[in-house]
């Protein structure tokens, strides 16, 4: 039995740092390029014909085109090339795993082992536009008289609403939360989206007109799918994943046991970071982007020891190697090949977690017979989320626990489309959710024209 020990903790509380430390820790993790840096980086692009970087982008951004416009000093033209393909291109520039998408496909990797910094250049162009938007970049088509309900104001719903509004349809955008944005507002690390950028981008997106937000509206409680189909010509479901997967062991009601997504959401909405409680020793169970975001932010809130524990090896983690290295750079330890066995509690509070060492046997994940314990006063669950089918109702067909659709987002229910993380077969990427919304908007538009 191996045991990771630490000095006696003082529980879970806030104000572990001074205000200056909070400000520094949660400043922009990757500051934007200056104009000079952007011009130099843009000149590194080969402006490839049939560029592999553009093919690798789920939204099909014409990467060489927008980079060439930056090199020419035409930031507005660059922003238009981006936003035409991806209306949430500013946020995607900040949070997309470009290292495994467009930048991995960059031909510069062949000779230099260093791709063009496409994500940074995309942020440079979109930030320049949002800072001085000038005349409207996109305008609405003539009103069609058609009304569409979009349920869920995350990346998929926002992209769908924008695409429909551009084509002249009236959109009512429903969301359960007090603010629009979904994952962009509530689910991303604060140091990735500083300065209220998520809402600034949404304000720009809504400025096209024809989109009426209605927050605090829960599908299945305040609105229903049959009711929406009676009142609207079409419905798009961008519901995301509201369920949190269980650890697979007993989860007592103990202080310090939290869902990582709730921890991140509370942090994103906090006005004063010093009020946010965090443990001295934090364990995060999981291997994805949410696990990394939760772990790094726990460290930045003042936790002394933060450990990510994942049941398989490094190569199986869904968090990219860049994100894993970011965690380590910020003092987070990552332990592989370990699965939760028991949550250790005392006096109604978390005191640690016991893990079983894991290994592969004939391709199957099995316990090796060894075990170890990590002391902790906070445990964050980040082992994935699930689609809650009860909100939309049993009439919507599922595939592997998520909404089944065709390539254009059509569900089995007439006049109902779906996209984003709630749709089966996706990769749970913000940029892919945007593409789902874009494609569905075109499909809905064609269906309404033909009706």
Protein backbone atom coordinates (compact mmCIF):
# COMPACT_ATOMS: atom_id res chain seq x y z
CA UNK A 1 0.00 0.00 0.00
CA UNK A 2 1.45 3.33 -1.09
CA UNK A 3 0.24 6.48 0.64
CA UNK A 4 0.64 10.09 -0.41
CA UNK A 5 0.79 12.14 2.77
CA UNK A 6 0.61 15.81 3.59
CA UNK A 7 0.50 17.94 6.68
CA UNK A 8 -2.77 18.38 8.48
CA UNK A 9 -5.11 20.46 6.33
CA UNK A 10 -7.34 23.31 7.29
CA UNK A 11 -10.26 22.22 5.16
CA UNK A 12 -11.96 23.96 2.27
CA UNK A 13 -12.08 27.75 2.36
CA UNK A 14 -11.45 30.90 0.36
CA UNK A 15 -9.03 33.81 0.68
CA UNK A 16 -5.94 31.62 0.39
CA UNK A 17 -4.19 34.34 -1.61
CA UNK A 18 -4.06 38.11 -1.63
CA UNK A 19 -6.00 40.08 -4.24
CA UNK A 20 -2.92 40.79 -6.33
CA UNK A 21 -2.14 37.07 -6.57
CA UNK A 22 -5.69 36.29 -7.70
CA UNK A 23 -5.48 38.98 -10.36
CA UNK A 24 -2.16 37.66 -11.64
CA UNK A 25 -3.19 33.99 -11.56
CA UNK A 26 -6.38 34.59 -13.53
CA UNK A 27 -5.05 37.04 -16.07
CA UNK A 28 -4.93 36.04 -19.73
CA UNK A 29 -3.04 32.75 -19.91
CA UNK A 30 -1.83 33.43 -23.44
CA UNK A 31 -1.65 37.18 -24.15
CA UNK A 32 -2.63 38.22 -27.68
CA UNK A 33 -0.15 38.93 -30.43
CA UNK A 34 0.93 42.50 -30.98
CA UNK A 35 0.54 43.92 -34.47
CA UNK A 36 4.24 43.44 -35.15
CA UNK A 37 4.14 39.84 -33.94
CA UNK A 38 1.04 39.14 -36.02
CA UNK A 39 2.64 40.50 -39.20
CA UNK A 40 5.79 38.44 -38.66
CA UNK A 41 3.78 35.29 -37.98
CA UNK A 42 1.50 35.88 -40.97
CA UNK A 43 4.54 36.06 -43.26
CA UNK A 44 5.44 32.49 -42.22
CA UNK A 45 2.33 31.15 -43.96
CA UNK A 46 2.89 29.50 -47.36
CA UNK A 47 -0.72 30.34 -48.43
CA UNK A 48 -1.12 26.78 -49.66
CA UNK A 49 -3.56 25.89 -52.42
CA UNK A 50 -6.16 23.45 -51.04
CA UNK A 51 -4.55 24.08 -47.68
CA UNK A 52 -4.61 21.13 -45.26
CA UNK A 53 -5.10 23.52 -42.32
CA UNK A 54 -8.44 24.69 -43.77
CA UNK A 55 -9.51 21.08 -44.36
CA UNK A 56 -8.63 20.26 -40.75
CA UNK A 57 -10.85 23.06 -39.41
CA UNK A 58 -14.32 21.65 -38.58
CA UNK A 59 -15.91 24.94 -39.68
CA UNK A 60 -13.84 25.15 -42.87
CA UNK A 61 -12.25 28.55 -42.23
CA UNK A 62 -10.15 29.63 -45.23
CA UNK A 63 -6.99 29.88 -43.16
CA UNK A 64 -4.55 31.05 -45.86
CA UNK A 65 -7.00 33.74 -46.94
CA UNK A 66 -7.45 35.31 -43.52
CA UNK A 67 -3.72 35.10 -42.75
CA UNK A 68 -2.88 36.74 -46.09
CA UNK A 69 -5.23 39.59 -45.25
CA UNK A 70 -3.49 40.08 -41.90
CA UNK A 71 -0.17 40.30 -43.77
CA UNK A 72 -1.74 42.99 -45.98
CA UNK A 73 -2.90 44.95 -42.92
CA UNK A 74 -6.56 44.17 -43.66
CA UNK A 75 -7.75 43.04 -40.21
CA UNK A 76 -11.43 43.57 -41.02
CA UNK A 77 -11.15 41.42 -44.13
CA UNK A 78 -9.36 38.76 -42.11
CA UNK A 79 -12.09 38.84 -39.47
CA UNK A 80 -14.77 38.54 -42.13
CA UNK A 81 -13.12 35.45 -43.62
CA UNK A 82 -13.12 33.88 -40.16
CA UNK A 83 -16.58 34.90 -38.99
CA UNK A 84 -18.21 34.01 -42.31
CA UNK A 85 -17.24 30.40 -41.61
CA UNK A 86 -17.39 30.51 -37.82
CA UNK A 87 -19.53 33.16 -36.08
CA UNK A 88 -17.87 32.22 -32.80
CA UNK A 89 -14.39 32.44 -34.26
CA UNK A 90 -13.14 34.69 -31.48
CA UNK A 91 -13.87 32.15 -28.75
CA UNK A 92 -12.71 29.22 -30.84
CA UNK A 93 -9.38 31.01 -31.35
CA UNK A 94 -8.97 30.93 -27.57
CA UNK A 95 -10.16 27.44 -26.71
CA UNK A 96 -9.85 25.22 -29.79
CA UNK A 97 -7.21 22.47 -29.57
CA UNK A 98 -5.50 23.96 -32.63
CA UNK A 99 -2.46 21.81 -31.93
CA UNK A 100 -4.45 18.74 -33.02
CA UNK A 101 -6.55 20.46 -35.69
CA UNK A 102 -5.37 23.18 -38.09
CA UNK A 103 -1.87 23.63 -36.68
CA UNK A 104 -1.15 19.92 -36.72
CA UNK A 105 -1.99 19.95 -40.44
CA UNK A 106 0.26 22.95 -41.19
CA UNK A 107 2.91 22.07 -43.79
CA UNK A 108 5.48 24.05 -41.80
CA UNK A 109 5.62 21.03 -39.47
CA UNK A 110 7.42 19.04 -42.17
CA UNK A 111 10.54 21.22 -42.35
CA UNK A 112 10.54 23.29 -39.18
CA UNK A 113 8.61 21.30 -36.59
CA UNK A 114 6.82 24.53 -35.76
CA UNK A 115 3.49 25.35 -37.39
CA UNK A 116 2.15 28.80 -38.11
CA UNK A 117 0.37 30.04 -34.99
CA UNK A 118 -3.05 29.90 -36.62
CA UNK A 119 -5.05 30.16 -33.40
CA UNK A 120 -3.17 33.24 -32.24
CA UNK A 121 -3.59 34.90 -35.64
CA UNK A 122 -7.30 34.10 -35.63
CA UNK A 123 -7.61 35.73 -32.23
CA UNK A 124 -5.66 38.76 -33.42
CA UNK A 125 -8.02 39.32 -36.34
CA UNK A 126 -11.27 38.79 -34.46
CA UNK A 127 -10.14 40.85 -31.46
CA UNK A 128 -9.28 43.71 -33.79
CA UNK A 129 -12.77 43.59 -35.28
CA UNK A 130 -14.61 43.40 -31.95
CA UNK A 131 -12.55 46.31 -30.62
CA UNK A 132 -13.64 48.51 -33.56
CA UNK A 133 -16.52 46.77 -35.35
CA UNK A 134 -17.46 49.70 -37.56
CA UNK A 135 -20.28 49.05 -40.00
CA UNK A 136 -22.21 45.79 -39.53
CA UNK A 137 -20.32 42.91 -41.09
CA UNK A 138 -23.45 40.83 -41.74
CA UNK A 139 -27.01 41.96 -42.39
CA UNK A 140 -30.31 40.11 -42.41
CA UNK A 141 -32.11 39.01 -45.52
CA UNK A 142 -35.68 40.14 -46.09
CA UNK A 143 -38.03 38.76 -43.37
CA UNK A 144 -39.49 35.38 -44.28
CA UNK A 145 -42.29 35.40 -41.71
CA UNK A 146 -41.00 32.07 -40.34
CA UNK A 147 -40.26 31.57 -36.64
CA UNK A 148 -37.74 29.09 -35.27
CA UNK A 149 -37.19 28.07 -31.65
CA UNK A 150 -33.57 27.38 -30.70
CA UNK A 151 -33.28 25.64 -27.34
CA UNK A 152 -29.86 25.98 -25.79
CA UNK A 153 -27.68 29.06 -26.20
CA UNK A 154 -24.32 27.34 -26.30
CA UNK A 155 -22.03 27.31 -29.36
CA UNK A 156 -24.36 25.14 -31.46
CA UNK A 157 -27.50 27.12 -30.62
CA UNK A 158 -25.82 30.49 -31.10
CA UNK A 159 -24.38 29.48 -34.48
CA UNK A 160 -27.76 28.12 -35.60
CA UNK A 161 -29.60 31.26 -34.43
CA UNK A 162 -27.14 33.52 -36.26
CA UNK A 163 -27.38 31.49 -39.47
CA UNK A 164 -31.18 31.58 -39.39
CA UNK A 165 -31.34 35.29 -38.58
CA UNK A 166 -29.02 36.08 -41.52
CA UNK A 167 -31.48 34.28 -43.78
CA UNK A 168 -34.41 36.41 -42.59
CA UNK A 169 -36.06 34.09 -40.09
CA UNK A 170 -37.17 35.22 -36.62
CA UNK A 171 -35.46 33.24 -33.88
CA UNK A 172 -36.37 32.85 -30.22
CA UNK A 173 -33.34 31.62 -28.30
CA UNK A 174 -34.21 29.73 -25.11
CA UNK A 175 -31.71 28.85 -22.40
CA UNK A 176 -31.99 27.46 -18.88
CA UNK A 177 -29.22 29.66 -17.46
CA UNK A 178 -29.38 33.34 -16.52
CA UNK A 179 -26.85 34.18 -19.27
CA UNK A 180 -26.43 33.07 -22.86
CA UNK A 181 -23.29 31.24 -23.92
CA UNK A 182 -23.53 27.73 -22.53
CA UNK A 183 -20.09 26.19 -22.29
CA UNK A 184 -18.44 29.43 -23.44
CA UNK A 185 -19.89 31.32 -20.47
CA UNK A 186 -20.01 28.64 -17.80
CA UNK A 187 -17.67 25.81 -18.71
CA UNK A 188 -14.26 27.19 -19.69
CA UNK A 189 -11.35 28.21 -17.53
CA UNK A 190 -11.41 31.89 -16.58
CA UNK A 191 -7.83 32.48 -17.72
CA UNK A 192 -8.84 31.45 -21.26
CA UNK A 193 -11.68 33.95 -21.60
CA UNK A 194 -10.75 37.06 -19.66
CA UNK A 195 -12.43 40.45 -19.79
CA UNK A 196 -15.96 39.11 -20.24
CA UNK A 197 -15.13 38.09 -23.80
CA UNK A 198 -17.87 35.44 -24.04
CA UNK A 199 -20.60 38.06 -23.56
CA UNK A 200 -18.89 40.57 -25.86
CA UNK A 201 -18.91 37.99 -28.65
CA UNK A 202 -22.55 37.16 -27.97
CA UNK A 203 -23.48 40.85 -28.07
CA UNK A 204 -21.84 41.07 -31.49
CA UNK A 205 -23.62 37.93 -32.69
CA UNK A 206 -27.03 39.22 -31.54
CA UNK A 207 -26.45 42.61 -33.15
CA UNK A 208 -27.56 41.17 -36.50
CA UNK A 209 -31.12 41.37 -35.17
CA UNK A 210 -33.99 38.94 -35.36
CA UNK A 211 -32.84 36.89 -32.34
CA UNK A 212 -34.89 37.22 -29.12
CA UNK A 213 -33.20 35.66 -26.05
CA UNK A 214 -35.29 34.10 -23.30
CA UNK A 215 -33.16 32.99 -20.36
CA UNK A 216 -34.26 30.91 -17.39
CA UNK A 217 -36.37 28.67 -19.61
CA UNK A 218 -35.92 24.96 -18.93
CA UNK A 219 -37.11 22.46 -21.52
CA UNK A 220 -39.51 20.08 -19.87
CA UNK A 221 -40.39 22.58 -17.15
CA UNK A 222 -41.12 26.00 -18.66
CA UNK A 223 -41.37 24.91 -22.29
CA UNK A 224 -42.00 21.57 -23.98
CA UNK A 225 -41.08 20.19 -27.37
CA UNK A 226 -44.74 19.61 -28.41
CA UNK A 227 -45.57 23.17 -27.34
CA UNK A 228 -42.71 24.59 -29.34
CA UNK A 229 -43.74 22.64 -32.42
CA UNK A 230 -47.20 24.15 -32.15
CA UNK A 231 -45.89 27.71 -31.84
CA UNK A 232 -42.89 27.63 -34.22
CA UNK A 233 -42.14 26.47 -37.72
CA UNK A 234 -39.04 24.53 -36.66
CA UNK A 235 -37.04 23.69 -33.54
CA UNK A 236 -33.30 23.29 -33.01
CA UNK A 237 -32.08 21.47 -29.90
CA UNK A 238 -28.63 22.48 -28.69
CA UNK A 239 -29.07 21.08 -25.20
CA UNK A 240 -25.51 20.14 -24.35
CA UNK A 241 -24.76 17.54 -21.69
CA UNK A 242 -26.43 18.39 -18.39
CA UNK A 243 -25.77 15.12 -16.58
CA UNK A 244 -22.53 14.38 -14.70
CA UNK A 245 -21.22 10.82 -14.72
CA UNK A 246 -20.89 9.08 -11.37
CA UNK A 247 -17.60 7.75 -10.00
CA UNK A 248 -18.93 4.21 -9.84
CA UNK A 249 -18.37 4.02 -6.10
CA UNK A 250 -20.35 5.22 -3.09
CA UNK A 251 -20.60 9.02 -3.11
CA UNK A 252 -21.61 10.15 0.39
CA UNK A 253 -22.97 13.64 0.95
CA UNK A 254 -19.68 15.09 2.13
CA UNK A 255 -18.19 18.56 2.16
CA UNK A 256 -15.51 18.80 -0.51
CA UNK A 257 -17.01 16.40 -3.07
CA UNK A 258 -18.01 18.45 -6.12
CA UNK A 259 -18.68 18.18 -9.82
CA UNK A 260 -15.82 19.81 -11.72
CA UNK A 261 -18.27 21.53 -14.08
CA UNK A 262 -20.00 23.20 -11.13
CA UNK A 263 -16.65 24.25 -9.66
CA UNK A 264 -15.69 25.86 -12.98
CA UNK A 265 -19.09 27.54 -13.42
CA UNK A 266 -18.95 29.06 -9.92
CA UNK A 267 -15.50 30.41 -10.65
CA UNK A 268 -16.55 31.90 -13.98
CA UNK A 269 -19.45 33.77 -12.37
CA UNK A 270 -17.63 34.93 -9.24
CA UNK A 271 -17.24 38.66 -8.80
CA UNK A 272 -14.61 38.21 -6.06
CA UNK A 273 -12.32 35.22 -6.47
CA UNK A 274 -11.23 35.41 -2.83
CA UNK A 275 -14.70 34.21 -1.80
CA UNK A 276 -14.32 30.92 -3.69
CA UNK A 277 -13.50 28.01 -1.37
CA UNK A 278 -10.82 25.52 -2.40
CA UNK A 279 -9.11 22.72 -0.57
CA UNK A 280 -5.51 22.66 0.47
CA UNK A 281 -5.14 19.23 -1.19
CA UNK A 282 -7.31 18.67 -4.26
CA UNK A 283 -7.84 15.50 -6.28
CA UNK A 284 -9.43 15.70 -9.73
CA UNK A 285 -10.71 12.42 -11.18
CA UNK A 286 -10.71 12.39 -14.98
CA UNK A 287 -8.55 12.91 -18.03
CA UNK A 288 -10.23 15.48 -20.23
CA UNK A 289 -10.18 19.22 -20.75
CA UNK A 290 -12.61 19.74 -17.86
CA UNK A 291 -10.26 17.88 -15.53
CA UNK A 292 -7.32 20.06 -16.59
CA UNK A 293 -9.31 23.30 -16.33
CA UNK A 294 -10.58 22.38 -12.86
CA UNK A 295 -7.18 21.25 -11.61
CA UNK A 296 -5.26 24.28 -12.88
CA UNK A 297 -7.84 26.69 -11.50
CA UNK A 298 -7.76 24.94 -8.12
CA UNK A 299 -4.01 25.51 -8.08
CA UNK A 300 -4.44 29.13 -9.11
CA UNK A 301 -6.96 29.62 -6.27
CA UNK A 302 -4.25 28.64 -3.80
CA UNK A 303 -4.47 24.87 -3.37
CA UNK A 304 -1.10 23.57 -2.26
CA UNK A 305 -1.35 20.10 -3.82
CA UNK A 306 -3.45 19.27 -6.87
CA UNK A 307 -3.46 15.84 -8.47
CA UNK A 308 -5.27 14.61 -11.56
CA UNK A 309 -5.90 10.87 -11.41
CA UNK A 310 -6.78 8.99 -14.60
CA UNK A 311 -7.56 5.30 -15.03
CA UNK A 312 -5.54 4.77 -18.21
CA UNK A 313 -2.23 6.00 -19.65
CA UNK A 314 -1.27 9.42 -20.93
CA UNK A 315 -1.99 8.55 -24.55
CA UNK A 316 -5.64 7.79 -23.72
CA UNK A 317 -6.37 11.12 -22.05
CA UNK A 318 -8.76 13.25 -24.08
CA UNK A 319 -6.97 16.39 -22.89
CA UNK A 320 -4.32 17.23 -25.47
CA UNK A 321 -0.63 16.89 -24.70
CA UNK A 322 -0.42 20.68 -24.71
CA UNK A 323 -3.14 20.88 -22.04
CA UNK A 324 -1.48 18.14 -20.00
CA UNK A 325 1.80 20.02 -20.09
CA UNK A 326 -0.05 23.22 -19.14
CA UNK A 327 -1.35 21.43 -16.04
CA UNK A 328 2.13 20.30 -15.05
CA UNK A 329 3.54 23.77 -15.66
CA UNK A 330 1.01 25.07 -13.15
CA UNK A 331 2.05 22.60 -10.49
CA UNK A 332 -0.55 19.89 -11.09
CA UNK A 333 0.60 16.28 -10.71
CA UNK A 334 -0.91 13.70 -13.08
CA UNK A 335 -1.15 10.07 -11.99
CA UNK A 336 -2.12 7.47 -14.57
CA UNK A 337 -3.41 3.91 -14.31
CA UNK A 338 -5.56 4.42 -11.23
CA UNK A 339 -9.31 4.06 -10.64
CA UNK A 340 -11.35 5.29 -7.65
CA UNK A 341 -12.22 2.62 -5.08
CA UNK A 342 -13.38 4.51 -2.01
CA UNK A 343 -14.05 8.07 -0.95
CA UNK A 344 -12.65 8.57 2.54
CA UNK A 345 -14.67 10.88 4.76
CA UNK A 346 -14.57 11.97 8.37
CA UNK A 347 -17.04 14.17 10.20
CA UNK A 348 -19.03 14.76 7.01
CA UNK A 349 -16.01 16.04 5.07
CA UNK A 350 -13.71 14.53 2.46
CA UNK A 351 -10.38 13.36 3.83
CA UNK A 352 -8.99 11.48 0.84
CA UNK A 353 -9.59 8.83 -1.78
CA UNK A 354 -8.39 5.27 -2.17
CA UNK A 355 -7.43 4.13 -5.66
CA UNK A 356 -6.81 0.79 -7.31
CA UNK A 357 -3.79 0.51 -9.57
CA UNK A 358 -4.87 -0.47 -13.09
CA UNK A 359 -3.27 -2.23 -16.01
CA UNK A 360 -4.09 -3.88 -19.32
CA UNK A 361 -4.60 -7.62 -19.59
CA UNK A 362 -5.48 -9.04 -23.00
CA UNK A 363 -6.54 -5.53 -23.99
CA UNK A 364 -8.88 -5.16 -21.01
CA UNK A 365 -8.49 -2.65 -18.21
CA UNK A 366 -8.10 -4.58 -14.95
CA UNK A 367 -7.00 -3.98 -11.36
CA UNK A 368 -3.47 -5.11 -10.59
CA UNK A 369 -4.17 -5.86 -6.94
CA UNK A 370 -2.20 -2.87 -5.68
CA UNK A 371 -3.81 0.19 -4.11
CA UNK A 372 -2.86 3.59 -2.79
CA UNK A 373 -4.48 6.52 -1.02
CA UNK A 374 -4.20 10.24 -1.65
CA UNK A 375 -5.15 12.59 1.14
CA UNK A 376 -7.46 15.38 0.03
CA UNK A 377 -10.01 17.77 1.44
CA UNK A 378 -11.57 18.36 -2.00
CA UNK A 379 -12.39 15.86 -4.75
CA UNK A 380 -13.62 17.10 -8.12
CA UNK A 381 -15.44 14.69 -10.45
CA UNK A 382 -14.49 15.22 -14.10
CA UNK A 383 -15.18 11.84 -15.69
CA UNK A 384 -17.54 13.04 -18.37
CA UNK A 385 -21.08 14.28 -18.81
CA UNK A 386 -24.19 12.71 -20.24
CA UNK A 387 -27.26 13.78 -22.16
CA UNK A 388 -30.45 13.97 -20.09
CA UNK A 389 -33.11 12.70 -22.45
CA UNK A 390 -36.06 13.51 -20.19
CA UNK A 391 -36.02 17.21 -21.09
CA UNK A 392 -36.85 16.73 -24.77
CA UNK A 393 -39.05 13.70 -24.18
CA UNK A 394 -39.14 10.10 -25.29
CA UNK A 395 -40.20 10.92 -28.86
CA UNK A 396 -36.67 11.99 -29.82
CA UNK A 397 -34.65 8.92 -30.85
CA UNK A 398 -31.25 8.34 -29.27
CA UNK A 399 -28.04 6.70 -30.41
CA UNK A 400 -25.53 5.66 -27.76
CA UNK A 401 -27.23 7.90 -25.24
CA UNK A 402 -27.34 11.06 -27.37
CA UNK A 403 -29.74 12.46 -29.97
CA UNK A 404 -29.62 10.59 -33.27
CA UNK A 405 -29.52 12.82 -36.37
CA UNK A 406 -28.59 12.69 -40.02
CA UNK A 407 -25.65 14.65 -41.43
CA UNK A 408 -27.70 17.87 -41.50
CA UNK A 409 -28.87 17.54 -37.91
CA UNK A 410 -32.40 16.29 -38.60
CA UNK A 411 -33.85 14.12 -35.84
CA UNK A 412 -36.55 11.48 -36.24
CA UNK A 413 -39.15 14.06 -35.17
CA UNK A 414 -40.40 16.18 -38.10
CA UNK A 415 -39.31 19.84 -37.96
CA UNK A 416 -36.78 19.14 -35.16
CA UNK A 417 -33.02 19.41 -35.61
CA UNK A 418 -30.23 18.95 -33.04
CA UNK A 419 -26.55 19.71 -32.71
CA UNK A 420 -23.63 20.21 -30.37
CA UNK A 421 -22.61 17.86 -27.59
CA UNK A 422 -26.13 16.41 -27.26
CA UNK A 423 -25.89 15.02 -30.81
CA UNK A 424 -24.56 11.49 -31.26
CA UNK A 425 -21.22 10.91 -32.95
CA UNK A 426 -19.45 14.16 -32.11
CA UNK A 427 -16.10 14.95 -30.54
CA UNK A 428 -17.39 17.39 -27.90
CA UNK A 429 -15.46 20.31 -29.39
CA UNK A 430 -16.70 23.90 -29.36
CA UNK A 431 -15.75 24.36 -33.01
CA UNK A 432 -17.61 21.21 -34.01
CA UNK A 433 -20.72 22.39 -32.16
CA UNK A 434 -20.55 25.62 -34.16
CA UNK A 435 -20.43 23.63 -37.38
CA UNK A 436 -23.45 21.60 -36.29
CA UNK A 437 -25.38 24.82 -35.75
CA UNK A 438 -24.27 26.25 -39.10
CA UNK A 439 -25.23 23.15 -41.06
CA UNK A 440 -28.57 22.84 -39.27
CA UNK A 441 -29.40 26.49 -40.02
CA UNK A 442 -28.93 25.87 -43.74
CA UNK A 443 -31.00 22.69 -43.57
CA UNK A 444 -33.81 24.41 -41.62
CA UNK A 445 -33.78 27.31 -44.09
CA UNK A 446 -34.15 24.98 -47.08
CA UNK A 447 -36.94 23.07 -45.35
CA UNK A 448 -38.83 26.27 -44.55
CA UNK A 449 -38.45 27.51 -48.12
CA UNK A 450 -39.87 24.27 -49.43
CA UNK A 451 -42.78 24.18 -46.97
